Amino acid sequence: MRVAYPDRLTVCATPRGEALDERVFPELEAAADADVELIDMNNWVCPDPHSCAVVIGNVFVWRDSHHLTATYAETLAEPLEAKLRGTEAGAEILFDGRREISRGRACR
């Protein structure tokens, strides 16, 4: 992937509200009505309160205007796992009583 301004990455930053499209979506309202726990990853995707960077930790974040790169999504695995372990449903998924599930593998 090429960046137009490799020495000035902030030129390509997107305002946070535009990048994350923080509107209320019907599926989010339905989840709240159903008492479903949601995990908000926005602060990992866009840690700056004003703009979202193109690169975080030497990894491209955005594939296009609204899709994360697979590489950046992989960097979110650990924080997501930590958040999942803190939820009742996530704990059941990650630890099923017989073996622990971690990064796609079963550990006996």
N, C-alpha and C. Protein backbone atom coordinates (compact mmCIF):
# COMPACT_ATOMS: atom_id res chain seq x y z
N MET A 1 0.83 -1.17 0.00
CA MET A 1 0.00 0.00 0.00
C MET A 1 0.88 1.24 0.00
N ARG A 2 0.54 2.21 -0.81
CA ARG A 2 1.32 3.44 -0.88
C ARG A 2 0.58 4.56 -0.19
N VAL A 3 1.33 5.43 0.44
CA VAL A 3 0.78 6.61 1.10
C VAL A 3 1.27 7.83 0.34
N ALA A 4 0.37 8.76 0.07
CA ALA A 4 0.72 9.94 -0.71
C ALA A 4 1.73 10.83 0.01
N TYR A 5 1.66 10.90 1.33
CA TYR A 5 2.54 11.77 2.11
C TYR A 5 3.23 10.96 3.21
N PRO A 6 4.18 10.10 2.88
CA PRO A 6 4.78 9.21 3.89
C PRO A 6 5.48 9.94 5.03
N ASP A 7 5.92 11.16 4.81
CA ASP A 7 6.59 11.92 5.87
C ASP A 7 5.63 12.81 6.64
N ARG A 8 4.38 12.87 6.20
CA ARG A 8 3.38 13.71 6.87
C ARG A 8 2.05 12.95 6.90
N LEU A 9 1.99 11.90 7.69
CA LEU A 9 0.80 11.04 7.72
C LEU A 9 -0.43 11.75 8.24
N THR A 10 -0.25 12.81 9.02
CA THR A 10 -1.42 13.52 9.54
C THR A 10 -2.23 14.19 8.42
N VAL A 11 -1.61 14.42 7.27
CA VAL A 11 -2.34 15.00 6.13
C VAL A 11 -3.49 14.08 5.74
N CYS A 12 -3.32 12.80 5.90
CA CYS A 12 -4.32 11.82 5.48
C CYS A 12 -5.28 11.41 6.60
N ALA A 13 -5.13 11.99 7.79
CA ALA A 13 -6.03 11.66 8.90
C ALA A 13 -7.45 12.10 8.55
N THR A 14 -8.42 11.38 9.10
CA THR A 14 -9.83 11.65 8.87
C THR A 14 -10.47 12.10 10.18
N PRO A 15 -11.33 13.10 10.15
CA PRO A 15 -12.02 13.49 11.38
C PRO A 15 -12.72 12.27 12.00
N ARG A 16 -12.62 12.14 13.32
CA ARG A 16 -13.15 10.96 14.02
C ARG A 16 -14.63 10.71 13.71
N GLY A 17 -15.44 11.74 13.78
CA GLY A 17 -16.87 11.58 13.53
C GLY A 17 -17.18 11.06 12.14
N GLU A 18 -16.38 11.46 11.17
CA GLU A 18 -16.55 10.99 9.80
C GLU A 18 -16.06 9.55 9.65
N ALA A 19 -14.91 9.24 10.22
CA ALA A 19 -14.33 7.90 10.08
C ALA A 19 -15.15 6.84 10.80
N LEU A 20 -15.65 7.17 11.98
CA LEU A 20 -16.36 6.18 12.77
C LEU A 20 -17.87 6.24 12.57
N ASP A 21 -18.34 7.27 11.88
CA ASP A 21 -19.77 7.40 11.58
C ASP A 21 -20.58 7.08 12.83
N GLU A 22 -20.49 7.93 13.82
CA GLU A 22 -21.05 7.66 15.14
C GLU A 22 -22.56 7.92 15.24
N ARG A 23 -23.27 7.70 14.14
CA ARG A 23 -24.73 7.79 14.19
C ARG A 23 -25.28 6.61 14.98
N VAL A 24 -26.53 6.70 15.36
CA VAL A 24 -27.20 5.58 16.01
C VAL A 24 -27.78 4.69 14.92
N PHE A 25 -27.43 3.43 14.96
CA PHE A 25 -27.90 2.47 13.97
C PHE A 25 -29.00 1.61 14.59
N PRO A 26 -29.99 1.19 13.80
CA PRO A 26 -31.09 0.37 14.33
C PRO A 26 -30.61 -0.90 15.05
N GLU A 27 -29.57 -1.54 14.51
CA GLU A 27 -29.11 -2.79 15.15
C GLU A 27 -28.52 -2.51 16.54
N LEU A 28 -27.92 -1.34 16.74
CA LEU A 28 -27.39 -0.99 18.06
C LEU A 28 -28.53 -0.72 19.03
N GLU A 29 -29.57 -0.06 18.56
CA GLU A 29 -30.75 0.17 19.39
C GLU A 29 -31.41 -1.15 19.75
N ALA A 30 -31.51 -2.07 18.79
CA ALA A 30 -32.11 -3.37 19.05
C ALA A 30 -31.30 -4.15 20.07
N ALA A 31 -29.97 -4.09 19.97
CA ALA A 31 -29.11 -4.78 20.94
C ALA A 31 -29.33 -4.22 22.33
N ALA A 32 -29.42 -2.90 22.44
CA ALA A 32 -29.66 -2.28 23.74
C ALA A 32 -31.01 -2.69 24.30
N ASP A 33 -32.03 -2.75 23.46
CA ASP A 33 -33.36 -3.16 23.89
C ASP A 33 -33.39 -4.62 24.33
N ALA A 34 -32.52 -5.45 23.75
CA ALA A 34 -32.47 -6.88 24.07
C ALA A 34 -31.50 -7.17 25.21
N ASP A 35 -30.93 -6.14 25.81
CA ASP A 35 -29.97 -6.27 26.91
C ASP A 35 -28.75 -7.09 26.48
N VAL A 36 -28.27 -6.81 25.27
CA VAL A 36 -27.08 -7.47 24.73
C VAL A 36 -25.86 -6.61 25.05
N GLU A 37 -24.80 -7.25 25.51
CA GLU A 37 -23.57 -6.53 25.80
C GLU A 37 -22.84 -6.22 24.49
N LEU A 38 -22.48 -4.97 24.30
CA LEU A 38 -21.74 -4.57 23.11
C LEU A 38 -20.32 -4.20 23.52
N ILE A 39 -19.36 -4.49 22.66
CA ILE A 39 -17.97 -4.13 22.90
C ILE A 39 -17.60 -3.05 21.90
N ASP A 40 -17.31 -1.88 22.42
CA ASP A 40 -16.96 -0.74 21.58
C ASP A 40 -15.46 -0.72 21.37
N MET A 41 -15.01 -0.91 20.14
CA MET A 41 -13.59 -0.93 19.81
C MET A 41 -13.13 0.40 19.21
N ASN A 42 -14.00 1.39 19.18
CA ASN A 42 -13.67 2.65 18.53
C ASN A 42 -12.41 3.32 19.07
N ASN A 43 -12.18 3.26 20.36
CA ASN A 43 -10.98 3.91 20.91
C ASN A 43 -9.69 3.19 20.52
N TRP A 44 -9.77 1.94 20.10
CA TRP A 44 -8.58 1.25 19.59
C TRP A 44 -8.39 1.57 18.11
N VAL A 45 -9.48 1.72 17.41
CA VAL A 45 -9.41 2.04 15.98
C VAL A 45 -9.00 3.49 15.79
N CYS A 46 -9.47 4.33 16.68
CA CYS A 46 -9.21 5.77 16.56
C CYS A 46 -8.92 6.34 17.95
N PRO A 47 -7.69 6.17 18.44
CA PRO A 47 -7.38 6.60 19.81
C PRO A 47 -7.37 8.11 20.01
N ASP A 48 -7.23 8.90 18.97
CA ASP A 48 -7.25 10.36 19.09
C ASP A 48 -8.70 10.84 19.15
N PRO A 49 -9.04 11.75 20.04
CA PRO A 49 -10.44 12.20 20.14
C PRO A 49 -10.92 13.05 18.97
N HIS A 50 -10.00 13.51 18.12
CA HIS A 50 -10.38 14.42 17.04
C HIS A 50 -10.22 13.83 15.64
N SER A 51 -9.22 12.98 15.44
CA SER A 51 -9.01 12.45 14.09
C SER A 51 -8.49 11.02 14.17
N CYS A 52 -8.72 10.30 13.08
CA CYS A 52 -8.29 8.91 12.99
C CYS A 52 -7.09 8.82 12.06
N ALA A 53 -6.04 8.22 12.55
CA ALA A 53 -4.78 8.12 11.81
C ALA A 53 -4.86 7.06 10.73
N VAL A 54 -4.01 7.21 9.74
CA VAL A 54 -3.88 6.23 8.67
C VAL A 54 -3.00 5.08 9.14
N VAL A 55 -2.02 5.38 10.00
CA VAL A 55 -1.08 4.39 10.48
C VAL A 55 -1.03 4.47 12.00
N ILE A 56 -1.09 3.32 12.67
CA ILE A 56 -0.90 3.23 14.12
C ILE A 56 0.11 2.13 14.36
N GLY A 57 1.19 2.46 15.07
CA GLY A 57 2.21 1.45 15.36
C GLY A 57 2.82 0.82 14.13
N ASN A 58 3.07 1.62 13.11
CA ASN A 58 3.65 1.15 11.84
C ASN A 58 2.75 0.19 11.07
N VAL A 59 1.46 0.23 11.34
CA VAL A 59 0.50 -0.62 10.64
C VAL A 59 -0.57 0.27 10.01
N PHE A 60 -0.87 0.05 8.72
CA PHE A 60 -1.95 0.76 8.08
C PHE A 60 -3.26 0.38 8.75
N VAL A 61 -4.08 1.36 9.10
CA VAL A 61 -5.34 1.11 9.78
C VAL A 61 -6.47 0.90 8.78
N TRP A 62 -6.56 1.77 7.80
CA TRP A 62 -7.70 1.78 6.89
C TRP A 62 -7.34 1.22 5.52
N ARG A 63 -8.17 0.30 5.01
CA ARG A 63 -8.04 -0.23 3.65
C ARG A 63 -8.66 0.74 2.66
N ASP A 64 -9.76 1.36 3.07
CA ASP A 64 -10.41 2.41 2.30
C ASP A 64 -11.09 3.32 3.31
N SER A 65 -12.07 4.08 2.91
CA SER A 65 -12.63 5.07 3.82
C SER A 65 -13.40 4.49 5.00
N HIS A 66 -13.85 3.25 4.94
CA HIS A 66 -14.63 2.68 6.04
C HIS A 66 -14.30 1.23 6.38
N HIS A 67 -13.18 0.72 5.93
CA HIS A 67 -12.82 -0.68 6.22
C HIS A 67 -11.41 -0.76 6.77
N LEU A 68 -11.25 -1.51 7.86
CA LEU A 68 -9.93 -1.71 8.44
C LEU A 68 -9.13 -2.69 7.60
N THR A 69 -7.80 -2.55 7.65
CA THR A 69 -6.96 -3.56 6.99
C THR A 69 -6.99 -4.82 7.84
N ALA A 70 -6.77 -5.94 7.21
CA ALA A 70 -6.72 -7.21 7.94
C ALA A 70 -5.58 -7.19 8.96
N THR A 71 -4.47 -6.59 8.59
CA THR A 71 -3.31 -6.53 9.50
C THR A 71 -3.66 -5.73 10.76
N TYR A 72 -4.33 -4.58 10.59
CA TYR A 72 -4.69 -3.81 11.79
C TYR A 72 -5.74 -4.54 12.60
N ALA A 73 -6.69 -5.18 11.94
CA ALA A 73 -7.70 -5.94 12.67
C ALA A 73 -7.05 -7.01 13.53
N GLU A 74 -6.00 -7.64 13.03
CA GLU A 74 -5.28 -8.65 13.82
C GLU A 74 -4.66 -8.05 15.08
N THR A 75 -4.23 -6.78 15.02
CA THR A 75 -3.64 -6.15 16.21
C THR A 75 -4.69 -5.92 17.29
N LEU A 76 -5.96 -6.00 16.93
CA LEU A 76 -7.05 -5.79 17.89
C LEU A 76 -7.47 -7.07 18.60
N ALA A 77 -6.88 -8.20 18.24
CA ALA A 77 -7.28 -9.49 18.82
C ALA A 77 -7.12 -9.52 20.33
N GLU A 78 -5.98 -9.07 20.83
CA GLU A 78 -5.75 -9.12 22.28
C GLU A 78 -6.68 -8.20 23.06
N PRO A 79 -6.84 -6.92 22.65
CA PRO A 79 -7.78 -6.09 23.40
C PRO A 79 -9.22 -6.62 23.32
N LEU A 80 -9.60 -7.17 22.17
CA LEU A 80 -10.94 -7.74 22.05
C LEU A 80 -11.09 -8.95 22.96
N GLU A 81 -10.09 -9.81 22.99
CA GLU A 81 -10.14 -10.98 23.87
C GLU A 81 -10.27 -10.54 25.33
N ALA A 82 -9.52 -9.53 25.73
CA ALA A 82 -9.60 -9.04 27.11
C ALA A 82 -11.01 -8.53 27.42
N LYS A 83 -11.60 -7.80 26.49
CA LYS A 83 -12.96 -7.30 26.69
C LYS A 83 -13.96 -8.46 26.74
N LEU A 84 -13.78 -9.45 25.86
CA LEU A 84 -14.67 -10.62 25.85
C LEU A 84 -14.60 -11.38 27.17
N ARG A 85 -13.41 -11.54 27.71
CA ARG A 85 -13.26 -12.25 28.98
C ARG A 85 -14.00 -11.55 30.11
N GLY A 86 -14.22 -10.24 29.95
CA GLY A 86 -14.94 -9.48 30.97
C GLY A 86 -16.45 -9.54 30.85
N THR A 87 -16.95 -10.26 29.85
CA THR A 87 -18.40 -10.40 29.68
C THR A 87 -18.80 -11.83 29.98
N GLU A 88 -20.02 -12.01 30.40
CA GLU A 88 -20.51 -13.35 30.71
C GLU A 88 -20.51 -14.26 29.48
N ALA A 89 -21.04 -13.75 28.37
CA ALA A 89 -21.10 -14.55 27.14
C ALA A 89 -19.70 -14.82 26.60
N GLY A 90 -18.83 -13.82 26.64
CA GLY A 90 -17.47 -14.00 26.14
C GLY A 90 -16.70 -15.02 26.94
N ALA A 91 -16.87 -14.98 28.26
CA ALA A 91 -16.19 -15.96 29.11
C ALA A 91 -16.63 -17.37 28.76
N GLU A 92 -17.92 -17.54 28.46
CA GLU A 92 -18.42 -18.86 28.08
C GLU A 92 -17.83 -19.31 26.74
N ILE A 93 -17.68 -18.38 25.83
CA ILE A 93 -17.13 -18.71 24.52
C ILE A 93 -15.65 -19.05 24.62
N LEU A 94 -14.89 -18.24 25.36
CA LEU A 94 -13.44 -18.42 25.44
C LEU A 94 -13.03 -19.55 26.37
N PHE A 95 -13.88 -19.89 27.32
CA PHE A 95 -13.57 -20.99 28.22
C PHE A 95 -14.82 -21.82 28.37
N ASP A 96 -14.83 -22.96 27.72
CA ASP A 96 -16.07 -23.75 27.70
C ASP A 96 -16.12 -24.82 28.79
N GLY A 97 -15.24 -24.75 29.79
CA GLY A 97 -15.28 -25.71 30.89
C GLY A 97 -14.36 -26.89 30.69
N ARG A 98 -14.03 -27.22 29.46
CA ARG A 98 -13.14 -28.34 29.18
C ARG A 98 -11.79 -27.88 28.68
N ARG A 99 -11.80 -26.82 27.88
CA ARG A 99 -10.54 -26.34 27.33
C ARG A 99 -10.65 -24.84 27.07
N GLU A 100 -9.55 -24.19 27.11
CA GLU A 100 -9.54 -22.76 26.84
C GLU A 100 -9.33 -22.54 25.35
N ILE A 101 -10.11 -21.65 24.79
CA ILE A 101 -9.99 -21.31 23.38
C ILE A 101 -9.19 -20.01 23.28
N SER A 102 -8.09 -20.06 22.56
CA SER A 102 -7.26 -18.86 22.45
C SER A 102 -6.67 -18.77 21.05
N ARG A 103 -6.96 -17.67 20.39
CA ARG A 103 -6.44 -17.39 19.04
C ARG A 103 -6.65 -18.56 18.08
N GLY A 104 -7.85 -19.11 18.12
CA GLY A 104 -8.20 -20.12 17.13
C GLY A 104 -7.72 -21.52 17.47
N ARG A 105 -7.07 -21.70 18.62
CA ARG A 105 -6.58 -23.03 18.97
C ARG A 105 -7.17 -23.43 20.34
N ALA A 106 -7.36 -24.70 20.51
CA ALA A 106 -7.82 -25.21 21.80
C ALA A 106 -6.59 -25.62 22.61
N CYS A 107 -6.54 -25.17 23.85
CA CYS A 107 -5.43 -25.51 24.74
C CYS A 107 -5.96 -26.44 25.82
N ARG A 108 -5.44 -27.63 25.89
CA ARG A 108 -5.92 -28.62 26.89
C ARG A 108 -5.20 -28.43 28.20
